[in-house]
N, C-alpha and C. Protein backbone atom coordinates (compact mmCIF):
# COMPACT_ATOMS: atom_id res chain seq x y z
N UNK A 1 50.24 42.04 -6.85
CA UNK A 1 49.04 42.39 -5.95
C UNK A 1 47.94 41.86 -6.13
N UNK A 2 47.38 42.82 -6.63
CA UNK A 2 45.99 42.90 -7.10
C UNK A 2 45.84 42.31 -8.24
N UNK A 3 47.30 42.14 -8.93
CA UNK A 3 46.34 41.48 -10.24
C UNK A 3 46.21 39.82 -9.74
N UNK A 4 46.86 38.99 -8.36
CA UNK A 4 46.53 37.84 -7.66
C UNK A 4 45.32 37.60 -7.47
N UNK A 5 45.03 38.73 -6.73
CA UNK A 5 43.97 38.99 -6.29
C UNK A 5 42.28 38.91 -7.54
N UNK A 6 42.91 39.54 -8.17
CA UNK A 6 41.81 39.16 -9.46
C UNK A 6 41.35 37.84 -9.69
N UNK A 7 42.73 37.39 -9.66
CA UNK A 7 42.81 35.66 -10.84
C UNK A 7 42.08 35.27 -9.56
N UNK A 8 42.54 35.31 -8.30
CA UNK A 8 41.85 34.55 -7.19
C UNK A 8 40.43 34.40 -7.49
N UNK A 9 39.57 35.72 -7.64
CA UNK A 9 38.35 36.12 -7.23
C UNK A 9 37.81 35.33 -8.73
N UNK A 10 38.05 35.58 -9.51
CA UNK A 10 37.38 35.28 -10.81
C UNK A 10 37.64 33.46 -10.59
N UNK A 11 38.55 32.87 -10.13
CA UNK A 11 38.30 31.49 -10.15
C UNK A 11 37.76 31.08 -9.16
N UNK A 12 37.27 31.71 -7.80
CA UNK A 12 36.64 31.26 -6.94
C UNK A 12 35.25 31.44 -7.31
N UNK A 13 35.15 32.14 -7.98
CA UNK A 13 33.29 32.78 -7.93
C UNK A 13 32.83 32.52 -9.47
N UNK A 14 34.24 31.55 -10.48
CA UNK A 14 33.18 31.21 -11.55
C UNK A 14 32.36 30.20 -12.06
N UNK A 15 32.15 29.55 -10.48
CA UNK A 15 31.60 28.84 -10.86
C UNK A 15 29.65 29.26 -11.16
N UNK A 16 30.06 30.44 -10.21
CA UNK A 16 28.69 30.89 -10.42
C UNK A 16 28.21 31.83 -11.76
N UNK A 17 28.89 31.67 -12.08
CA UNK A 17 28.87 32.32 -13.63
C UNK A 17 27.92 31.63 -14.70
N UNK A 18 28.23 30.25 -14.69
CA UNK A 18 28.00 29.03 -15.56
C UNK A 18 26.62 29.01 -14.84
N UNK A 19 25.77 29.31 -13.66
CA UNK A 19 25.00 28.80 -12.81
C UNK A 19 23.78 29.47 -13.75
N UNK A 20 23.62 30.40 -13.98
CA UNK A 20 22.43 31.35 -14.06
C UNK A 20 21.88 30.03 -15.70
N UNK A 21 20.30 30.45 -15.19
CA UNK A 21 19.37 29.08 -16.26
C UNK A 21 19.43 29.98 -17.50
N UNK A 22 19.06 29.45 -18.60
CA UNK A 22 18.62 30.05 -19.84
C UNK A 22 17.54 30.55 -20.38
N UNK A 23 16.62 31.17 -20.78
CA UNK A 23 15.97 32.50 -21.11
C UNK A 23 14.80 30.89 -21.21
N UNK A 24 13.89 30.47 -20.92
CA UNK A 24 12.89 29.62 -21.28
C UNK A 24 11.63 30.21 -21.79
N UNK A 25 11.16 31.86 -21.71
CA UNK A 25 10.27 32.57 -21.81
C UNK A 25 9.88 32.25 -23.22
N UNK A 26 8.87 31.93 -23.72
CA UNK A 26 8.20 31.77 -25.26
C UNK A 26 7.72 32.54 -25.56
N UNK A 27 7.39 33.57 -26.61
CA UNK A 27 7.43 34.55 -27.06
C UNK A 27 5.81 34.00 -28.10
N UNK A 28 5.21 34.23 -27.94
CA UNK A 28 3.45 33.64 -28.46
C UNK A 28 3.13 34.53 -29.15
N UNK A 29 2.95 34.98 -30.94
CA UNK A 29 2.41 35.33 -31.66
C UNK A 29 1.18 35.63 -31.88
N UNK A 30 0.50 36.52 -31.57
CA UNK A 30 -1.16 36.55 -32.01
C UNK A 30 -1.19 36.64 -32.93
N UNK A 31 -2.01 35.41 -34.03
CA UNK A 31 -2.34 35.54 -35.40
C UNK A 31 -4.56 35.53 -35.20
N UNK A 32 -4.77 35.92 -34.34
CA UNK A 32 -5.89 35.98 -34.91
C UNK A 32 -7.10 34.99 -34.34
N UNK A 33 -6.43 33.86 -33.60
CA UNK A 33 -7.06 32.22 -33.27
C UNK A 33 -8.16 32.46 -32.12
N UNK A 34 -9.36 31.94 -32.36
CA UNK A 34 -10.09 32.26 -31.13
C UNK A 34 -10.54 30.82 -30.80
N UNK A 35 -10.08 30.64 -29.52
CA UNK A 35 -10.35 29.49 -28.91
C UNK A 35 -11.51 29.52 -27.94
N UNK A 36 -12.73 28.15 -28.29
CA UNK A 36 -13.78 27.96 -27.65
C UNK A 36 -13.86 27.58 -26.02
N UNK A 37 -14.03 27.58 -25.09
CA UNK A 37 -14.09 27.37 -24.00
C UNK A 37 -15.44 26.73 -23.97
N UNK A 38 -14.59 25.17 -23.45
CA UNK A 38 -15.87 24.44 -22.86
C UNK A 38 -16.05 24.29 -21.34
N UNK A 39 -17.23 23.87 -21.15
CA UNK A 39 -17.91 23.96 -19.89
C UNK A 39 -17.63 22.21 -19.35
N UNK A 40 -16.72 21.69 -18.39
CA UNK A 40 -17.20 20.65 -17.43
C UNK A 40 -18.20 20.44 -16.21
N UNK A 41 -19.01 19.92 -17.03
CA UNK A 41 -20.19 19.10 -16.36
C UNK A 41 -19.64 18.43 -15.26
N UNK A 42 -19.74 18.70 -14.01
CA UNK A 42 -19.83 17.95 -12.87
C UNK A 42 -20.58 16.43 -12.71
N UNK A 43 -20.05 15.00 -11.97
CA UNK A 43 -20.85 14.67 -11.73
C UNK A 43 -21.53 14.50 -10.39
N UNK A 44 -22.90 14.70 -10.53
CA UNK A 44 -23.73 15.08 -9.13
C UNK A 44 -23.07 14.58 -8.10
N UNK A 45 -23.16 15.07 -6.72
CA UNK A 45 -22.48 14.20 -5.61
C UNK A 45 -23.85 13.27 -5.06
N UNK A 46 -22.91 12.19 -5.28
CA UNK A 46 -24.38 10.63 -4.59
C UNK A 46 -23.53 10.79 -2.75
N UNK A 47 -24.72 11.42 -1.72
CA UNK A 47 -24.17 11.17 -0.32
C UNK A 47 -24.31 9.91 -0.34
N UNK A 48 -24.83 8.55 -0.80
CA UNK A 48 -25.10 7.41 -0.19
C UNK A 48 -24.37 5.96 -1.19
N UNK A 49 -23.58 6.72 -1.64
CA UNK A 49 -22.70 6.03 -2.69
C UNK A 49 -21.63 5.68 -1.63
N UNK A 50 -20.66 5.96 -0.73
CA UNK A 50 -19.98 5.44 0.01
C UNK A 50 -20.21 4.06 1.08
N UNK A 51 -21.76 4.37 0.97
CA UNK A 51 -22.34 3.71 2.00
C UNK A 51 -22.95 2.40 1.25
N UNK A 52 -23.75 2.47 -0.04
CA UNK A 52 -23.89 1.40 -0.84
C UNK A 52 -22.62 0.97 -0.90
N UNK A 53 -21.51 1.45 -1.37
CA UNK A 53 -20.19 0.60 -1.35
C UNK A 53 -19.60 -0.01 -0.70
N UNK A 54 -20.29 0.25 1.02
CA UNK A 54 -19.67 -0.19 2.03
C UNK A 54 -20.09 -1.44 1.98
N UNK A 55 -22.27 -1.58 1.67
CA UNK A 55 -22.75 -2.40 2.59
C UNK A 55 -22.34 -3.77 0.85
N UNK A 56 -22.12 -2.96 -0.47
CA UNK A 56 -21.91 -4.48 -0.96
C UNK A 56 -20.66 -5.12 -0.72
N UNK A 57 -19.56 -4.14 -0.06
CA UNK A 57 -18.50 -5.34 0.14
C UNK A 57 -18.49 -5.62 1.03
N UNK A 58 -19.47 -5.51 2.07
CA UNK A 58 -19.85 -6.25 3.63
C UNK A 58 -21.08 -8.16 2.65
N UNK A 59 -21.24 -8.06 2.34
CA UNK A 59 -22.02 -8.23 1.30
C UNK A 59 -21.38 -9.84 1.04
N UNK A 60 -20.62 -9.53 0.00
CA UNK A 60 -19.20 -10.22 -0.77
C UNK A 60 -18.62 -9.71 -1.19
N UNK A 61 -17.75 -9.69 -0.10
CA UNK A 61 -16.36 -8.92 -0.55
C UNK A 61 -15.84 -8.89 -1.66
N UNK A 62 -15.01 -7.82 -2.35
CA UNK A 62 -14.98 -7.38 -3.53
C UNK A 62 -15.97 -6.84 -4.48
N UNK A 63 -17.41 -6.66 -4.23
CA UNK A 63 -18.53 -6.14 -5.33
C UNK A 63 -18.54 -5.09 -4.72
N UNK A 64 -17.91 -4.53 -3.26
CA UNK A 64 -17.90 -2.64 -3.65
C UNK A 64 -16.74 -2.14 -3.99
N UNK A 65 -15.78 -3.01 -4.18
CA UNK A 65 -14.51 -2.36 -5.49
C UNK A 65 -15.60 -2.35 -6.93
N UNK A 66 -15.96 -3.18 -7.18
CA UNK A 66 -16.60 -3.66 -8.47
C UNK A 66 -17.61 -1.82 -8.64
N UNK A 67 -18.13 -1.86 -8.03
CA UNK A 67 -19.06 -0.65 -7.97
C UNK A 67 -18.33 0.46 -7.95
N UNK A 68 -17.25 1.03 -7.06
CA UNK A 68 -16.90 1.42 -7.34
C UNK A 68 -15.65 1.27 -8.93
N UNK A 69 -15.59 0.17 -9.60
CA UNK A 69 -14.88 0.38 -10.82
C UNK A 69 -13.41 0.48 -10.54
N UNK A 70 -12.58 -0.56 -9.52
CA UNK A 70 -11.55 -0.50 -9.47
C UNK A 70 -11.19 -2.35 -9.32
N UNK A 71 -11.62 -2.52 -10.57
CA UNK A 71 -11.57 -4.24 -10.50
C UNK A 71 -10.19 -4.97 -10.27
N UNK A 72 -8.87 -3.72 -10.29
CA UNK A 72 -7.87 -4.79 -10.08
C UNK A 72 -8.13 -5.22 -8.49
N UNK A 73 -8.64 -4.27 -7.66
CA UNK A 73 -8.58 -4.54 -6.20
C UNK A 73 -9.24 -6.37 -5.73
N UNK A 74 -9.58 -6.66 -6.36
CA UNK A 74 -10.51 -7.47 -6.68
C UNK A 74 -9.72 -9.15 -6.06
N UNK A 75 -8.56 -9.14 -7.34
CA UNK A 75 -7.87 -10.32 -6.65
C UNK A 75 -7.27 -9.96 -4.76
N UNK A 76 -6.64 -8.83 -5.02
CA UNK A 76 -5.24 -8.91 -3.87
C UNK A 76 -6.74 -8.98 -2.58
N UNK A 77 -7.81 -9.12 -2.22
CA UNK A 77 -9.07 -9.08 -1.72
C UNK A 77 -9.50 -10.28 -0.68
N UNK A 78 -9.38 -11.28 -2.65
CA UNK A 78 -9.86 -12.66 -2.60
C UNK A 78 -8.55 -13.01 -2.37
N UNK A 79 -7.18 -13.23 -2.27
CA UNK A 79 -5.97 -13.24 -2.04
C UNK A 79 -5.84 -13.21 -0.31
N UNK A 80 -5.83 -12.72 0.16
CA UNK A 80 -5.85 -12.18 1.33
C UNK A 80 -6.52 -13.57 2.05
N UNK A 81 -7.78 -13.28 2.42
CA UNK A 81 -9.27 -13.45 2.32
C UNK A 81 -8.95 -15.21 2.13
N UNK A 82 -8.58 -15.42 0.97
CA UNK A 82 -8.58 -16.60 1.02
C UNK A 82 -6.61 -17.33 1.42
N UNK A 83 -6.47 -16.76 1.75
CA UNK A 83 -4.56 -17.09 2.43
C UNK A 83 -5.60 -17.38 4.25
N UNK A 84 -6.01 -16.75 4.68
CA UNK A 84 -5.89 -16.77 5.75
C UNK A 84 -7.06 -17.96 5.92
N UNK A 85 -7.99 -18.35 5.27
CA UNK A 85 -8.88 -19.48 5.48
C UNK A 85 -8.29 -20.39 5.24
N UNK A 86 -6.43 -20.54 4.32
CA UNK A 86 -6.49 -21.73 3.55
C UNK A 86 -5.13 -22.29 4.87
N UNK A 87 -4.93 -21.31 5.51
CA UNK A 87 -4.05 -21.27 6.79
C UNK A 87 -4.65 -21.37 7.90
N UNK A 88 -5.84 -20.96 7.67
CA UNK A 88 -6.37 -21.96 9.42
C UNK A 88 -6.81 -23.50 8.74
N UNK A 89 -7.32 -23.58 7.81
CA UNK A 89 -7.66 -25.28 7.98
C UNK A 89 -6.57 -25.77 7.44
N UNK A 90 -5.19 -25.46 7.83
CA UNK A 90 -4.09 -26.40 7.60
C UNK A 90 -3.52 -26.67 9.24
N UNK A 91 -3.53 -24.98 9.47
CA UNK A 91 -3.27 -24.90 11.33
C UNK A 91 -4.37 -25.73 11.98
N UNK A 92 -5.28 -25.94 11.54
CA UNK A 92 -6.66 -27.07 12.47
C UNK A 92 -6.66 -28.53 11.85
N UNK A 93 -5.68 -29.05 10.71
CA UNK A 93 -5.46 -30.59 10.93
C UNK A 93 -4.53 -30.32 11.21
N UNK A 94 -3.39 -29.73 11.76
CA UNK A 94 -1.94 -29.80 12.50
C UNK A 94 -2.50 -30.29 13.46
N UNK A 95 -3.29 -29.02 14.33
CA UNK A 95 -3.65 -29.24 15.62
C UNK A 95 -4.15 -30.28 16.20
N UNK A 96 -5.08 -30.74 15.24
CA UNK A 96 -5.94 -31.97 15.43
C UNK A 96 -4.59 -33.25 15.52
N UNK A 97 -3.89 -33.27 15.02
CA UNK A 97 -3.16 -34.59 14.33
C UNK A 97 -2.67 -34.44 15.93
N UNK A 98 -1.79 -33.25 16.14
CA UNK A 98 -0.49 -33.39 17.58
C UNK A 98 -1.80 -33.70 18.25
N UNK A 99 -2.86 -33.40 18.48
CA UNK A 99 -3.97 -33.15 20.15
C UNK A 99 -4.33 -34.66 19.78
N UNK A 100 -4.67 -35.58 19.15
CA UNK A 100 -5.06 -36.97 18.71
C UNK A 100 -3.84 -37.75 19.34
N UNK A 101 -2.80 -37.70 18.68
CA UNK A 101 -1.34 -37.96 19.33
C UNK A 101 -1.29 -38.27 21.18
N UNK A 102 -1.33 -36.56 21.32
CA UNK A 102 -1.75 -36.53 22.65
C UNK A 102 -2.33 -37.59 23.15
N UNK A 103 -3.58 -37.25 23.03
CA UNK A 103 -4.32 -37.92 23.51
C UNK A 103 -4.23 -39.04 23.85
N UNK A 104 -3.65 -40.26 22.61
CA UNK A 104 -3.21 -41.51 22.88
C UNK A 104 -1.91 -42.21 23.66
N UNK A 105 -0.93 -41.19 23.48
CA UNK A 105 -0.14 -41.31 24.41
C UNK A 105 -0.42 -41.16 26.04
N UNK A 106 -1.29 -39.88 26.06
CA UNK A 106 -1.63 -40.35 27.53
C UNK A 106 -2.56 -41.35 28.34
N UNK A 107 -3.04 -41.96 26.92
CA UNK A 107 -3.96 -43.35 26.73
C UNK A 107 -3.01 -44.67 27.33
N UNK A 108 -1.79 -44.12 26.87
CA UNK A 108 -0.83 -45.11 27.23
C UNK A 108 -0.38 -46.17 25.94
N UNK A 109 -1.21 -46.20 24.29
CA UNK A 109 -0.71 -46.34 23.64
C UNK A 109 0.94 -45.60 22.74
N UNK A 110 1.19 -45.99 22.28
CA UNK A 110 2.73 -45.78 21.12
C UNK A 110 2.79 -46.11 20.04
N UNK A 111 1.56 -46.21 19.68
CA UNK A 111 0.78 -46.66 17.73
C UNK A 111 1.05 -45.09 17.12
N UNK A 112 0.98 -44.39 17.41
CA UNK A 112 0.90 -42.68 17.10
C UNK A 112 1.78 -42.21 16.00
N UNK A 113 1.44 -41.47 14.89
CA UNK A 113 2.13 -41.79 13.71
C UNK A 113 3.68 -40.33 14.52
N UNK A 114 3.69 -40.31 15.27
CA UNK A 114 4.84 -39.21 15.80
C UNK A 114 5.39 -40.63 16.93
N UNK A 115 5.05 -41.56 16.75
CA UNK A 115 6.21 -42.22 17.82
C UNK A 115 7.19 -43.22 17.24
N UNK A 116 7.23 -43.22 15.87
CA UNK A 116 8.42 -44.68 15.06
C UNK A 116 8.38 -45.43 15.23
N UNK A 117 9.61 -45.91 14.57
CA UNK A 117 9.22 -47.86 14.42
C UNK A 117 10.30 -47.77 16.05
N UNK A 118 10.98 -47.13 16.44
CA UNK A 118 11.55 -48.08 17.21
C UNK A 118 11.08 -47.62 19.18
N UNK A 119 12.14 -47.62 20.12
CA UNK A 119 10.99 -47.62 21.52
C UNK A 119 10.93 -46.22 22.11
N UNK A 120 11.17 -45.33 21.69
CA UNK A 120 11.50 -44.17 22.33
C UNK A 120 10.54 -43.18 21.10
N UNK A 121 10.05 -42.42 21.26
CA UNK A 121 9.17 -41.52 20.25
C UNK A 121 10.53 -40.65 19.34
N UNK A 122 9.96 -40.79 17.80
CA UNK A 122 10.20 -39.06 17.41
C UNK A 122 10.05 -37.63 17.88
N UNK A 123 8.34 -37.63 18.51
CA UNK A 123 8.72 -36.13 19.25
C UNK A 123 8.02 -36.84 21.00
N UNK A 124 8.46 -36.01 21.39
CA UNK A 124 8.53 -36.06 22.98
C UNK A 124 6.80 -36.06 23.05
N UNK A 125 6.64 -36.41 24.80
CA UNK A 125 5.03 -35.77 24.76
C UNK A 125 5.15 -34.27 25.08
N UNK A 126 6.10 -33.46 25.68
CA UNK A 126 6.12 -32.24 25.28
C UNK A 126 6.12 -31.79 24.21
N UNK A 127 6.86 -32.05 23.20
CA UNK A 127 6.81 -31.38 22.29
C UNK A 127 6.00 -31.75 21.78
N UNK A 128 4.98 -32.47 21.77
CA UNK A 128 3.46 -32.28 20.97
C UNK A 128 2.74 -31.05 21.87
N UNK A 129 2.55 -31.52 23.20
CA UNK A 129 2.10 -30.02 24.07
C UNK A 129 2.10 -28.55 23.16
N UNK A 130 3.62 -28.78 23.12
CA UNK A 130 3.99 -26.98 22.74
C UNK A 130 3.59 -27.02 20.76
N UNK A 131 3.90 -28.27 20.33
CA UNK A 131 2.81 -28.00 18.90
C UNK A 131 2.01 -27.65 18.86
N UNK A 132 0.92 -28.46 19.40
CA UNK A 132 -0.41 -27.94 20.13
C UNK A 132 -0.87 -26.54 19.95
N UNK A 133 0.73 -26.09 20.95
CA UNK A 133 -0.19 -24.53 21.45
C UNK A 133 0.37 -23.56 20.32
N UNK A 134 1.32 -23.76 19.35
CA UNK A 134 2.09 -23.32 18.27
C UNK A 134 0.74 -23.49 17.27
N UNK A 135 0.71 -24.70 16.84
CA UNK A 135 -0.79 -25.11 15.78
C UNK A 135 -2.04 -23.53 16.20
N UNK A 136 -2.37 -23.44 17.44
CA UNK A 136 -3.87 -23.11 17.96
C UNK A 136 -3.37 -21.56 18.02
N UNK A 137 -1.88 -21.32 17.63
CA UNK A 137 -1.85 -19.75 17.82
C UNK A 137 -1.51 -19.22 16.65
N UNK A 138 -0.72 -20.32 15.46
CA UNK A 138 -1.01 -20.06 13.84
C UNK A 138 -2.65 -19.87 13.53
N UNK A 139 -3.21 -20.69 14.23
CA UNK A 139 -4.62 -21.15 13.43
C UNK A 139 -5.34 -19.78 14.16
N UNK A 140 -5.33 -19.30 15.23
CA UNK A 140 -5.80 -17.86 15.41
C UNK A 140 -5.12 -16.68 15.25
N UNK A 141 -3.92 -16.99 14.22
CA UNK A 141 -3.66 -15.58 13.78
C UNK A 141 -4.07 -15.83 12.47
N UNK A 142 -4.41 -16.51 11.63
CA UNK A 142 -4.72 -17.21 9.92
C UNK A 142 -6.39 -16.47 10.30
N UNK A 143 -7.40 -16.07 10.85
CA UNK A 143 -8.11 -16.14 11.24
C UNK A 143 -8.43 -14.43 11.53
N UNK A 144 -7.21 -13.85 12.14
CA UNK A 144 -7.13 -12.30 12.04
C UNK A 144 -7.01 -12.12 11.04
N UNK A 145 -6.11 -12.80 9.99
CA UNK A 145 -5.17 -12.23 9.16
C UNK A 145 -6.50 -12.09 7.62
N UNK A 146 -7.43 -13.06 8.28
CA UNK A 146 -9.24 -13.13 7.21
C UNK A 146 -10.08 -12.05 7.59
N UNK A 147 -10.47 -11.76 8.48
CA UNK A 147 -11.05 -10.83 9.15
C UNK A 147 -10.50 -9.61 8.62
N UNK A 148 -9.23 -9.02 8.94
CA UNK A 148 -8.32 -7.79 8.78
C UNK A 148 -8.41 -7.67 7.20
N UNK A 149 -8.16 -8.84 6.34
CA UNK A 149 -8.66 -8.54 5.30
C UNK A 149 -10.01 -8.08 4.49
N UNK A 150 -11.06 -8.82 5.27
CA UNK A 150 -12.37 -8.58 5.18
C UNK A 150 -13.28 -7.16 5.73
N UNK A 151 -12.35 -6.71 6.98
CA UNK A 151 -12.32 -5.25 7.22
C UNK A 151 -12.40 -4.13 6.39
N UNK A 152 -10.77 -4.29 5.80
CA UNK A 152 -10.38 -3.86 5.13
C UNK A 152 -11.00 -3.26 3.74
N UNK A 153 -11.64 -4.22 3.31
CA UNK A 153 -12.08 -4.64 1.85
C UNK A 153 -13.27 -3.86 1.79
N UNK A 154 -13.84 -3.46 3.40
CA UNK A 154 -15.06 -2.78 3.68
C UNK A 154 -14.51 -1.03 3.48
N UNK A 155 -13.74 -1.05 4.30
CA UNK A 155 -13.41 0.01 3.97
C UNK A 155 -12.37 0.91 3.37
N UNK A 156 -11.79 0.01 2.33
CA UNK A 156 -11.38 0.42 1.13
C UNK A 156 -12.56 0.62 0.38
N UNK A 157 -13.22 0.49 0.10
CA UNK A 157 -14.75 0.47 -0.75
C UNK A 157 -15.12 1.89 -0.04
N UNK A 158 -15.21 2.14 1.23
CA UNK A 158 -16.43 3.65 1.55
C UNK A 158 -15.31 4.53 1.37
N UNK A 159 -14.00 4.45 1.14
CA UNK A 159 -12.75 5.14 1.28
C UNK A 159 -13.03 6.40 -0.11
N UNK A 160 -13.07 4.89 -0.72
CA UNK A 160 -12.81 5.16 -2.44
C UNK A 160 -14.00 5.65 -3.29
N UNK A 161 -14.68 4.83 -2.48
CA UNK A 161 -16.36 5.62 -2.99
C UNK A 161 -15.81 7.37 -2.39
N UNK A 162 -15.56 7.91 -1.07
CA UNK A 162 -16.18 9.25 -1.04
C UNK A 162 -14.90 10.30 -1.63
N UNK A 163 -13.75 9.23 -2.13
CA UNK A 163 -12.99 10.04 -2.62
C UNK A 163 -12.56 9.85 -4.40
N UNK A 164 -13.37 9.36 -5.17
CA UNK A 164 -14.58 9.20 -6.07
C UNK A 164 -15.39 10.51 -6.44
N UNK A 165 -15.30 11.43 -5.18
CA UNK A 165 -16.34 12.59 -5.72
C UNK A 165 -15.69 13.81 -5.82
N UNK A 166 -14.54 13.59 -5.51
CA UNK A 166 -13.18 14.85 -5.04
C UNK A 166 -12.99 15.08 -6.69
N UNK A 167 -12.78 16.81 -6.93
CA UNK A 167 -12.16 17.32 -7.70
C UNK A 167 -10.89 17.11 -8.06
N UNK A 168 -10.66 15.86 -9.08
CA UNK A 168 -9.24 16.30 -9.21
C UNK A 168 -8.79 17.23 -10.77
N UNK A 169 -7.96 17.99 -10.76
CA UNK A 169 -7.43 18.04 -12.18
C UNK A 169 -5.96 18.70 -11.72
N UNK A 170 -5.34 19.32 -12.91
CA UNK A 170 -4.46 20.23 -12.92
C UNK A 170 -4.10 21.60 -12.00
N UNK A 171 -5.12 21.80 -11.61
CA UNK A 171 -5.24 22.97 -10.76
C UNK A 171 -4.63 23.05 -9.93
N UNK A 172 -4.77 22.03 -8.96
CA UNK A 172 -4.03 21.77 -7.48
C UNK A 172 -2.54 20.85 -8.01
N UNK A 173 -1.38 21.16 -8.23
CA UNK A 173 -0.63 20.59 -8.39
C UNK A 173 0.46 20.11 -7.21
N UNK A 174 1.16 19.18 -6.49
CA UNK A 174 2.14 19.22 -5.68
C UNK A 174 3.07 18.05 -6.93
N UNK A 175 4.49 19.42 -6.53
CA UNK A 175 5.81 18.95 -7.08
C UNK A 175 6.73 18.83 -6.51
N UNK A 176 8.20 18.55 -6.32
CA UNK A 176 9.06 18.11 -5.68
C UNK A 176 9.86 18.85 -6.70
N UNK A 177 10.83 19.61 -6.41
CA UNK A 177 11.89 21.03 -7.36
C UNK A 177 13.37 20.64 -6.52
N UNK A 178 14.45 19.87 -7.53
CA UNK A 178 15.58 20.04 -6.88
C UNK A 178 16.04 20.98 -8.27
N UNK A 179 17.06 21.91 -7.29
CA UNK A 179 18.39 22.88 -7.99
C UNK A 179 19.68 22.76 -7.42
N UNK A 180 20.29 23.06 -7.97
CA UNK A 180 22.12 23.05 -7.29
C UNK A 180 22.49 24.32 -6.76
N UNK A 181 22.57 24.51 -6.02
CA UNK A 181 22.78 26.02 -5.26
C UNK A 181 24.84 26.08 -5.41
N UNK A 182 24.42 27.39 -6.72
CA UNK A 182 25.90 27.68 -7.24
C UNK A 182 27.23 27.50 -6.46
N UNK A 183 26.93 28.15 -5.26
CA UNK A 183 27.71 28.88 -4.68
C UNK A 183 28.93 27.88 -3.29
N UNK A 184 27.91 26.97 -3.27
CA UNK A 184 28.51 25.68 -2.19
C UNK A 184 28.27 24.90 -2.96
N UNK A 185 27.39 24.50 -4.25
CA UNK A 185 27.28 23.52 -5.21
C UNK A 185 26.66 21.82 -4.39
N UNK A 186 25.81 22.70 -3.06
CA UNK A 186 24.90 21.60 -2.65
C UNK A 186 23.35 21.86 -3.44
N UNK A 187 22.75 20.39 -2.86
CA UNK A 187 21.49 20.25 -3.09
C UNK A 187 20.52 21.37 -2.81
N UNK A 188 19.46 21.92 -3.21
CA UNK A 188 18.59 22.36 -2.78
C UNK A 188 17.00 21.73 -2.68
N UNK A 189 16.30 20.73 -1.91
CA UNK A 189 15.05 20.73 -2.39
C UNK A 189 13.94 21.27 -2.03
N UNK A 190 12.67 21.48 -2.77
CA UNK A 190 11.71 22.03 -2.40
C UNK A 190 10.67 21.59 -2.66
N UNK A 191 9.28 21.48 -2.21
CA UNK A 191 8.41 21.41 -2.57
C UNK A 191 7.36 22.33 -2.16
N UNK A 192 6.72 22.37 -3.81
CA UNK A 192 6.01 23.08 -4.28
C UNK A 192 4.26 22.73 -4.50
N UNK A 193 3.42 23.98 -3.44
CA UNK A 193 2.14 23.03 -4.28
C UNK A 193 1.28 24.69 -5.00
N UNK A 194 0.86 23.99 -5.82
CA UNK A 194 0.62 24.85 -7.37
C UNK A 194 -0.47 25.09 -6.52
N UNK A 195 -1.98 26.36 -6.97
CA UNK A 195 -3.43 26.23 -6.62
C UNK A 195 -3.34 27.64 -7.53
N UNK A 196 -4.64 26.88 -9.01
CA UNK A 196 -4.79 28.17 -9.99
C UNK A 196 -6.04 28.41 -9.94
N UNK A 197 -6.72 30.14 -9.59
CA UNK A 197 -7.42 30.46 -9.75
C UNK A 197 -7.98 30.51 -11.45
N UNK A 198 -9.11 30.27 -11.45
CA UNK A 198 -9.75 30.79 -13.36
C UNK A 198 -10.49 31.77 -13.13
């Protein structure tokens, strides 16, 4: 009976015996090398840089990003503002077409572009009213999109200028750590915040 318990014990806990990590400690041999210390000079703090970047972006969208040397953001800004302006123009043309056809129908004409060739219209008068409302709503939404991209342009330039002056180096790091628990073979997830004081 004791022999069977021994084999069962070994079988159940053998998984944890293979889970130990190998020794990764490296031995450094001293050979008399002297390493010269270098002093990093910090860029002087400019408290007006965020305001200047925001002002530049307000005057000309994308200029604040160019001031912050983030050139890759400029096409995104112009694409967002340009899309808003393009869709505003398209929806404005559609709105005017629907409105003109509706006015002609109220005046008694049957020769608008939505009447068609027969005796009955392709689009009814009620549908023209709905199309006007839909085009007006889309036109307003296009203005909102363009204004939001313009404001995000200013906010991004300001925040980026603030963050450019922060110290970002390897002394502060945040890294995820994934390990397998040897007893139940489930994953352990941890988040490690490391700060080195020199």
